[in-house]
Amino acid sequence: MTRVFFVPVLVLTMLTLTGCGSTTGERAGSGALMGAAGGALVGSLSANAGRGALIGAGAGALGGYLVDQHQKGNID
């Protein structure tokens, strides 16, 4: 029961904080770190934390980059 509540709250928190930073590198880096942490947590539930961390880091870096580009007005 605790995992059922904890994982969605963690994912929502990380999505909210994905774009932290003021430069493209900072935003992509913070997204990658938070994505890796979340991915490792979710991956550990399925006995594959390493793969989850890698997928989460990639998704987080992409998310941080997209937030940066949106903030700069390059994409809608």
PDB file of N, CA and C in Angstrom:
ATOM      1  N   MET A   1       0.821  -1.192   0.000  1.00  0.00           N
ATOM      2  CA  MET A   1       0.000   0.000   0.000  1.00  0.00           C
ATOM      3  C   MET A   1       0.862   1.252   0.000  1.00  0.00           C
ATOM      4  N   THR A   2       1.964   1.256   0.740  1.00  0.00           N
ATOM      5  CA  THR A   2       2.825   2.425   0.805  1.00  0.00           C
ATOM      6  C   THR A   2       3.446   2.720  -0.553  1.00  0.00           C
ATOM      7  N   ARG A   3       3.879   1.698  -1.281  1.00  0.00           N
ATOM      8  CA  ARG A   3       4.485   1.899  -2.601  1.00  0.00           C
ATOM      9  C   ARG A   3       3.481   2.477  -3.587  1.00  0.00           C
ATOM     10  N   VAL A   4       2.255   2.054  -3.478  1.00  0.00           N
ATOM     11  CA  VAL A   4       1.228   2.530  -4.394  1.00  0.00           C
ATOM     12  C   VAL A   4       1.050   4.035  -4.247  1.00  0.00           C
ATOM     13  N   PHE A   5       1.183   4.568  -3.062  1.00  0.00           N
ATOM     14  CA  PHE A   5       1.054   5.997  -2.823  1.00  0.00           C
ATOM     15  C   PHE A   5       2.365   6.739  -3.069  1.00  0.00           C
ATOM     16  N   PHE A   6       3.480   6.145  -2.679  1.00  0.00           N
ATOM     17  CA  PHE A   6       4.777   6.816  -2.718  1.00  0.00           C
ATOM     18  C   PHE A   6       5.277   7.081  -4.133  1.00  0.00           C
ATOM     19  N   VAL A   7       5.169   6.127  -5.011  1.00  0.00           N
ATOM     20  CA  VAL A   7       5.710   6.257  -6.369  1.00  0.00           C
ATOM     21  C   VAL A   7       5.043   7.388  -7.146  1.00  0.00           C
ATOM     22  N   PRO A   8       3.710   7.497  -7.188  1.00  0.00           N
ATOM     23  CA  PRO A   8       3.118   8.623  -7.933  1.00  0.00           C
ATOM     24  C   PRO A   8       3.479   9.982  -7.343  1.00  0.00           C
ATOM     25  N   VAL A   9       3.574  10.073  -6.041  1.00  0.00           N
ATOM     26  CA  VAL A   9       3.960  11.346  -5.414  1.00  0.00           C
ATOM     27  C   VAL A   9       5.398  11.697  -5.781  1.00  0.00           C
ATOM     28  N   LEU A  10       6.285  10.728  -5.780  1.00  0.00           N
ATOM     29  CA  LEU A  10       7.675  10.959  -6.158  1.00  0.00           C
ATOM     30  C   LEU A  10       7.777  11.391  -7.613  1.00  0.00           C
ATOM     31  N   VAL A  11       7.074  10.724  -8.491  1.00  0.00           N
ATOM     32  CA  VAL A  11       7.113  11.066  -9.915  1.00  0.00           C
ATOM     33  C   VAL A  11       6.572  12.471 -10.140  1.00  0.00           C
ATOM     34  N   LEU A  12       5.480  12.826  -9.492  1.00  0.00           N
ATOM     35  CA  LEU A  12       4.911  14.167  -9.623  1.00  0.00           C
ATOM     36  C   LEU A  12       5.878  15.229  -9.117  1.00  0.00           C
ATOM     37  N   THR A  13       6.533  14.966  -8.009  1.00  0.00           N
ATOM     38  CA  THR A  13       7.519  15.908  -7.475  1.00  0.00           C
ATOM     39  C   THR A  13       8.681  16.095  -8.430  1.00  0.00           C
ATOM     40  N   MET A  14       9.175  15.026  -8.995  1.00  0.00           N
ATOM     41  CA  MET A  14      10.297  15.123  -9.921  1.00  0.00           C
ATOM     42  C   MET A  14       9.906  15.831 -11.211  1.00  0.00           C
ATOM     43  N   LEU A  15       8.703  15.593 -11.689  1.00  0.00           N
ATOM     44  CA  LEU A  15       8.266  16.298 -12.887  1.00  0.00           C
ATOM     45  C   LEU A  15       8.142  17.794 -12.629  1.00  0.00           C
ATOM     46  N   THR A  16       7.746  18.153 -11.432  1.00  0.00           N
ATOM     47  CA  THR A  16       7.630  19.559 -11.076  1.00  0.00           C
ATOM     48  C   THR A  16       8.996  20.225 -11.024  1.00  0.00           C
ATOM     49  N   LEU A  17       9.999  19.522 -10.543  1.00  0.00           N
ATOM     50  CA  LEU A  17      11.335  20.090 -10.354  1.00  0.00           C
ATOM     51  C   LEU A  17      12.288  19.840 -11.513  1.00  0.00           C
ATOM     52  N   THR A  18      11.817  19.221 -12.574  1.00  0.00           N
ATOM     53  CA  THR A  18      12.701  18.833 -13.673  1.00  0.00           C
ATOM     54  C   THR A  18      13.460  20.005 -14.254  1.00  0.00           C
ATOM     55  N   GLY A  19      12.837  21.151 -14.391  1.00  0.00           N
ATOM     56  CA  GLY A  19      13.472  22.282 -15.054  1.00  0.00           C
ATOM     57  C   GLY A  19      14.223  23.222 -14.142  1.00  0.00           C
ATOM     58  N   CYS A  20      14.692  22.789 -12.993  1.00  0.00           N
ATOM     59  CA  CYS A  20      15.420  23.675 -12.088  1.00  0.00           C
ATOM     60  C   CYS A  20      16.753  24.091 -12.704  1.00  0.00           C
ATOM     61  N   GLY A  21      17.086  25.358 -12.590  1.00  0.00           N
ATOM     62  CA  GLY A  21      18.325  25.893 -13.128  1.00  0.00           C
ATOM     63  C   GLY A  21      18.037  27.091 -14.003  1.00  0.00           C
ATOM     64  N   SER A  22      19.100  27.743 -14.437  1.00  0.00           N
ATOM     65  CA  SER A  22      18.897  28.931 -15.275  1.00  0.00           C
ATOM     66  C   SER A  22      19.533  28.794 -16.651  1.00  0.00           C
ATOM     67  N   THR A  23      20.413  27.830 -16.841  1.00  0.00           N
ATOM     68  CA  THR A  23      21.020  27.611 -18.154  1.00  0.00           C
ATOM     69  C   THR A  23      20.554  26.272 -18.709  1.00  0.00           C
ATOM     70  N   THR A  24      20.796  26.077 -19.978  1.00  0.00           N
ATOM     71  CA  THR A  24      20.388  24.822 -20.611  1.00  0.00           C
ATOM     72  C   THR A  24      21.060  23.632 -19.933  1.00  0.00           C
ATOM     73  N   GLY A  25      22.349  23.737 -19.662  1.00  0.00           N
ATOM     74  CA  GLY A  25      23.079  22.650 -19.018  1.00  0.00           C
ATOM     75  C   GLY A  25      22.588  22.350 -17.623  1.00  0.00           C
ATOM     76  N   GLU A  26      22.278  23.394 -16.856  1.00  0.00           N
ATOM     77  CA  GLU A  26      21.777  23.181 -15.497  1.00  0.00           C
ATOM     78  C   GLU A  26      20.416  22.506 -15.513  1.00  0.00           C
ATOM     79  N   ARG A  27      19.560  22.937 -16.409  1.00  0.00           N
ATOM     80  CA  ARG A  27      18.220  22.349 -16.472  1.00  0.00           C
ATOM     81  C   ARG A  27      18.278  20.897 -16.946  1.00  0.00           C
ATOM     82  N   ALA A  28      19.075  20.629 -17.951  1.00  0.00           N
ATOM     83  CA  ALA A  28      19.205  19.254 -18.434  1.00  0.00           C
ATOM     84  C   ALA A  28      19.878  18.385 -17.372  1.00  0.00           C
ATOM     85  N   GLY A  29      20.874  18.918 -16.698  1.00  0.00           N
ATOM     86  CA  GLY A  29      21.577  18.160 -15.652  1.00  0.00           C
ATOM     87  C   GLY A  29      20.697  17.849 -14.460  1.00  0.00           C
ATOM     88  N   SER A  30      19.934  18.845 -13.997  1.00  0.00           N
ATOM     89  CA  SER A  30      19.054  18.592 -12.859  1.00  0.00           C
ATOM     90  C   SER A  30      17.958  17.609 -13.244  1.00  0.00           C
ATOM     91  N   GLY A  31      17.471  17.719 -14.471  1.00  0.00           N
ATOM     92  CA  GLY A  31      16.470  16.762 -14.936  1.00  0.00           C
ATOM     93  C   GLY A  31      17.028  15.360 -14.995  1.00  0.00           C
ATOM     94  N   ALA A  32      18.266  15.225 -15.461  1.00  0.00           N
ATOM     95  CA  ALA A  32      18.894  13.900 -15.546  1.00  0.00           C
ATOM     96  C   ALA A  32      19.086  13.295 -14.160  1.00  0.00           C
ATOM     97  N   LEU A  33      19.520  14.089 -13.202  1.00  0.00           N
ATOM     98  CA  LEU A  33      19.725  13.564 -11.843  1.00  0.00           C
ATOM     99  C   LEU A  33      18.416  13.131 -11.201  1.00  0.00           C
ATOM    100  N   MET A  34      17.412  13.967 -11.319  1.00  0.00           N
ATOM    101  CA  MET A  34      16.127  13.602 -10.723  1.00  0.00           C
ATOM    102  C   MET A  34      15.484  12.424 -11.461  1.00  0.00           C
ATOM    103  N   GLY A  35      15.655  12.393 -12.767  1.00  0.00           N
ATOM    104  CA  GLY A  35      15.133  11.267 -13.534  1.00  0.00           C
ATOM    105  C   GLY A  35      15.830   9.965 -13.177  1.00  0.00           C
ATOM    106  N   ALA A  36      17.136  10.026 -12.983  1.00  0.00           N
ATOM    107  CA  ALA A  36      17.881   8.821 -12.608  1.00  0.00           C
ATOM    108  C   ALA A  36      17.439   8.314 -11.240  1.00  0.00           C
ATOM    109  N   ALA A  37      17.238   9.231 -10.300  1.00  0.00           N
ATOM    110  CA  ALA A  37      16.794   8.815  -8.965  1.00  0.00           C
ATOM    111  C   ALA A  37      15.411   8.187  -9.023  1.00  0.00           C
ATOM    112  N   GLY A  38      14.512   8.819  -9.729  1.00  0.00           N
ATOM    113  CA  GLY A  38      13.160   8.271  -9.854  1.00  0.00           C
ATOM    114  C   GLY A  38      13.141   6.970 -10.626  1.00  0.00           C
ATOM    115  N   GLY A  39      13.934   6.904 -11.690  1.00  0.00           N
ATOM    116  CA  GLY A  39      14.002   5.684 -12.480  1.00  0.00           C
ATOM    117  C   GLY A  39      14.573   4.525 -11.689  1.00  0.00           C
ATOM    118  N   ALA A  40      15.573   4.801 -10.866  1.00  0.00           N
ATOM    119  CA  ALA A  40      16.150   3.747 -10.029  1.00  0.00           C
ATOM    120  C   ALA A  40      15.132   3.247  -9.014  1.00  0.00           C
ATOM    121  N   LEU A  41      14.364   4.178  -8.459  1.00  0.00           N
ATOM    122  CA  LEU A  41      13.345   3.782  -7.492  1.00  0.00           C
ATOM    123  C   LEU A  41      12.276   2.916  -8.147  1.00  0.00           C
ATOM    124  N   VAL A  42      11.761   3.367  -9.259  1.00  0.00           N
ATOM    125  CA  VAL A  42      10.731   2.593  -9.956  1.00  0.00           C
ATOM    126  C   VAL A  42      11.315   1.283 -10.483  1.00  0.00           C
ATOM    127  N   GLY A  43      12.539   1.335 -10.994  1.00  0.00           N
ATOM    128  CA  GLY A  43      13.184   0.120 -11.488  1.00  0.00           C
ATOM    129  C   GLY A  43      13.440  -0.902 -10.398  1.00  0.00           C
ATOM    130  N   SER A  44      13.710  -0.431  -9.188  1.00  0.00           N
ATOM    131  CA  SER A  44      13.965  -1.361  -8.089  1.00  0.00           C
ATOM    132  C   SER A  44      12.704  -2.144  -7.723  1.00  0.00           C
ATOM    133  N   LEU A  45      11.546  -1.576  -8.004  1.00  0.00           N
ATOM    134  CA  LEU A  45      10.309  -2.299  -7.736  1.00  0.00           C
ATOM    135  C   LEU A  45      10.147  -3.484  -8.672  1.00  0.00           C
ATOM    136  N   SER A  46      10.783  -3.395  -9.846  1.00  0.00           N
ATOM    137  CA  SER A  46      10.718  -4.513 -10.798  1.00  0.00           C
ATOM    138  C   SER A  46      12.053  -5.253 -10.874  1.00  0.00           C
ATOM    139  N   ALA A  47      12.898  -5.071  -9.888  1.00  0.00           N
ATOM    140  CA  ALA A  47      14.187  -5.758  -9.757  1.00  0.00           C
ATOM    141  C   ALA A  47      15.177  -5.380 -10.857  1.00  0.00           C
ATOM    142  N   ASN A  48      15.107  -4.145 -11.361  1.00  0.00           N
ATOM    143  CA  ASN A  48      16.064  -3.696 -12.366  1.00  0.00           C
ATOM    144  C   ASN A  48      16.321  -2.201 -12.193  1.00  0.00           C
ATOM    145  N   ALA A  49      16.964  -1.832 -11.092  1.00  0.00           N
ATOM    146  CA  ALA A  49      17.194  -0.430 -10.770  1.00  0.00           C
ATOM    147  C   ALA A  49      18.143   0.240 -11.757  1.00  0.00           C
ATOM    148  N   GLY A  50      19.129  -0.483 -12.261  1.00  0.00           N
ATOM    149  CA  GLY A  50      20.097   0.099 -13.197  1.00  0.00           C
ATOM    150  C   GLY A  50      19.454   0.552 -14.491  1.00  0.00           C
ATOM    151  N   ARG A  51      18.640  -0.303 -15.059  1.00  0.00           N
ATOM    152  CA  ARG A  51      17.950   0.056 -16.303  1.00  0.00           C
ATOM    153  C   ARG A  51      16.978   1.206 -16.053  1.00  0.00           C
ATOM    154  N   GLY A  52      16.287   1.186 -14.932  1.00  0.00           N
ATOM    155  CA  GLY A  52      15.367   2.267 -14.593  1.00  0.00           C
ATOM    156  C   GLY A  52      16.091   3.593 -14.448  1.00  0.00           C
ATOM    157  N   ALA A  53      17.280   3.564 -13.832  1.00  0.00           N
ATOM    158  CA  ALA A  53      18.059   4.793 -13.665  1.00  0.00           C
ATOM    159  C   ALA A  53      18.510   5.344 -15.013  1.00  0.00           C
ATOM    160  N   LEU A  54      18.938   4.471 -15.909  1.00  0.00           N
ATOM    161  CA  LEU A  54      19.366   4.931 -17.235  1.00  0.00           C
ATOM    162  C   LEU A  54      18.213   5.541 -18.035  1.00  0.00           C
ATOM    163  N   ILE A  55      17.085   4.875 -18.015  1.00  0.00           N
ATOM    164  CA  ILE A  55      15.914   5.390 -18.731  1.00  0.00           C
ATOM    165  C   ILE A  55      15.461   6.700 -18.101  1.00  0.00           C
ATOM    166  N   GLY A  56      15.434   6.747 -16.780  1.00  0.00           N
ATOM    167  CA  GLY A  56      15.020   7.966 -16.084  1.00  0.00           C
ATOM    168  C   GLY A  56      15.958   9.124 -16.339  1.00  0.00           C
ATOM    169  N   ALA A  57      17.259   8.854 -16.388  1.00  0.00           N
ATOM    170  CA  ALA A  57      18.231   9.924 -16.646  1.00  0.00           C
ATOM    171  C   ALA A  57      18.038  10.497 -18.048  1.00  0.00           C
ATOM    172  N   GLY A  58      17.831   9.636 -19.020  1.00  0.00           N
ATOM    173  CA  GLY A  58      17.599  10.114 -20.385  1.00  0.00           C
ATOM    174  C   GLY A  58      16.327  10.927 -20.497  1.00  0.00           C
ATOM    175  N   ALA A  59      15.257  10.424 -19.899  1.00  0.00           N
ATOM    176  CA  ALA A  59      13.981  11.138 -19.945  1.00  0.00           C
ATOM    177  C   ALA A  59      14.067  12.462 -19.188  1.00  0.00           C
ATOM    178  N   GLY A  60      14.764  12.466 -18.055  1.00  0.00           N
ATOM    179  CA  GLY A  60      14.909  13.692 -17.274  1.00  0.00           C
ATOM    180  C   GLY A  60      15.734  14.745 -17.986  1.00  0.00           C
ATOM    181  N   ALA A  61      16.813  14.318 -18.640  1.00  0.00           N
ATOM    182  CA  ALA A  61      17.651  15.263 -19.393  1.00  0.00           C
ATOM    183  C   ALA A  61      16.859  15.870 -20.552  1.00  0.00           C
ATOM    184  N   LEU A  62      16.114  15.035 -21.248  1.00  0.00           N
ATOM    185  CA  LEU A  62      15.284  15.533 -22.340  1.00  0.00           C
ATOM    186  C   LEU A  62      14.223  16.493 -21.812  1.00  0.00           C
ATOM    187  N   GLY A  63      13.603  16.146 -20.707  1.00  0.00           N
ATOM    188  CA  GLY A  63      12.603  17.029 -20.103  1.00  0.00           C
ATOM    189  C   GLY A  63      13.181  18.364 -19.692  1.00  0.00           C
ATOM    190  N   GLY A  64      14.357  18.353 -19.071  1.00  0.00           N
ATOM    191  CA  GLY A  64      15.012  19.598 -18.676  1.00  0.00           C
ATOM    192  C   GLY A  64      15.371  20.456 -19.869  1.00  0.00           C
ATOM    193  N   TYR A  65      15.840  19.839 -20.933  1.00  0.00           N
ATOM    194  CA  TYR A  65      16.175  20.571 -22.155  1.00  0.00           C
ATOM    195  C   TYR A  65      14.925  21.196 -22.772  1.00  0.00           C
ATOM    196  N   LEU A  66      13.842  20.432 -22.831  1.00  0.00           N
ATOM    197  CA  LEU A  66      12.609  20.952 -23.410  1.00  0.00           C
ATOM    198  C   LEU A  66      12.026  22.096 -22.584  1.00  0.00           C
ATOM    199  N   VAL A  67      12.114  21.987 -21.264  1.00  0.00           N
ATOM    200  CA  VAL A  67      11.656  23.089 -20.409  1.00  0.00           C
ATOM    201  C   VAL A  67      12.495  24.332 -20.673  1.00  0.00           C
ATOM    202  N   ASP A  68      13.797  24.167 -20.805  1.00  0.00           N
ATOM    203  CA  ASP A  68      14.683  25.296 -21.089  1.00  0.00           C
ATOM    204  C   ASP A  68      14.317  25.967 -22.412  1.00  0.00           C
ATOM    205  N   GLN A  69      14.101  25.165 -23.429  1.00  0.00           N
ATOM    206  CA  GLN A  69      13.758  25.730 -24.732  1.00  0.00           C
ATOM    207  C   GLN A  69      12.397  26.425 -24.706  1.00  0.00           C
ATOM    208  N   HIS A  70      11.477  25.896 -23.946  1.00  0.00           N
ATOM    209  CA  HIS A  70      10.171  26.531 -23.805  1.00  0.00           C
ATOM    210  C   HIS A  70      10.287  27.876 -23.072  1.00  0.00           C
ATOM    211  N   GLN A  71      11.097  27.899 -22.031  1.00  0.00           N
ATOM    212  CA  GLN A  71      11.299  29.138 -21.270  1.00  0.00           C
ATOM    213  C   GLN A  71      11.934  30.214 -22.137  1.00  0.00           C
ATOM    214  N   LYS A  72      12.791  29.799 -23.038  1.00  0.00           N
ATOM    215  CA  LYS A  72      13.457  30.750 -23.936  1.00  0.00           C
ATOM    216  C   LYS A  72      12.558  31.176 -25.096  1.00  0.00           C
ATOM    217  N   GLY A  73      11.415  30.528 -25.255  1.00  0.00           N
ATOM    218  CA  GLY A  73      10.486  30.868 -26.325  1.00  0.00           C
ATOM    219  C   GLY A  73      10.798  30.209 -27.645  1.00  0.00           C
ATOM    220  N   ASN A  74      11.675  29.227 -27.661  1.00  0.00           N
ATOM    221  CA  ASN A  74      12.034  28.543 -28.905  1.00  0.00           C
ATOM    222  C   ASN A  74      10.986  27.524 -29.329  1.00  0.00           C
ATOM    223  N   ILE A  75      10.225  26.987 -28.381  1.00  0.00           N
ATOM    224  CA  ILE A  75       9.152  26.054 -28.700  1.00  0.00           C
ATOM    225  C   ILE A  75       7.921  26.448 -27.910  1.00  0.00           C
ATOM    226  N   ASP A  76       6.768  26.060 -28.413  1.00  0.00           N
ATOM    227  CA  ASP A  76       5.513  26.389 -27.711  1.00  0.00           C
ATOM    228  C   ASP A  76       5.085  25.283 -26.824  1.00  0.00           C
TER     229      ASP A  76
END
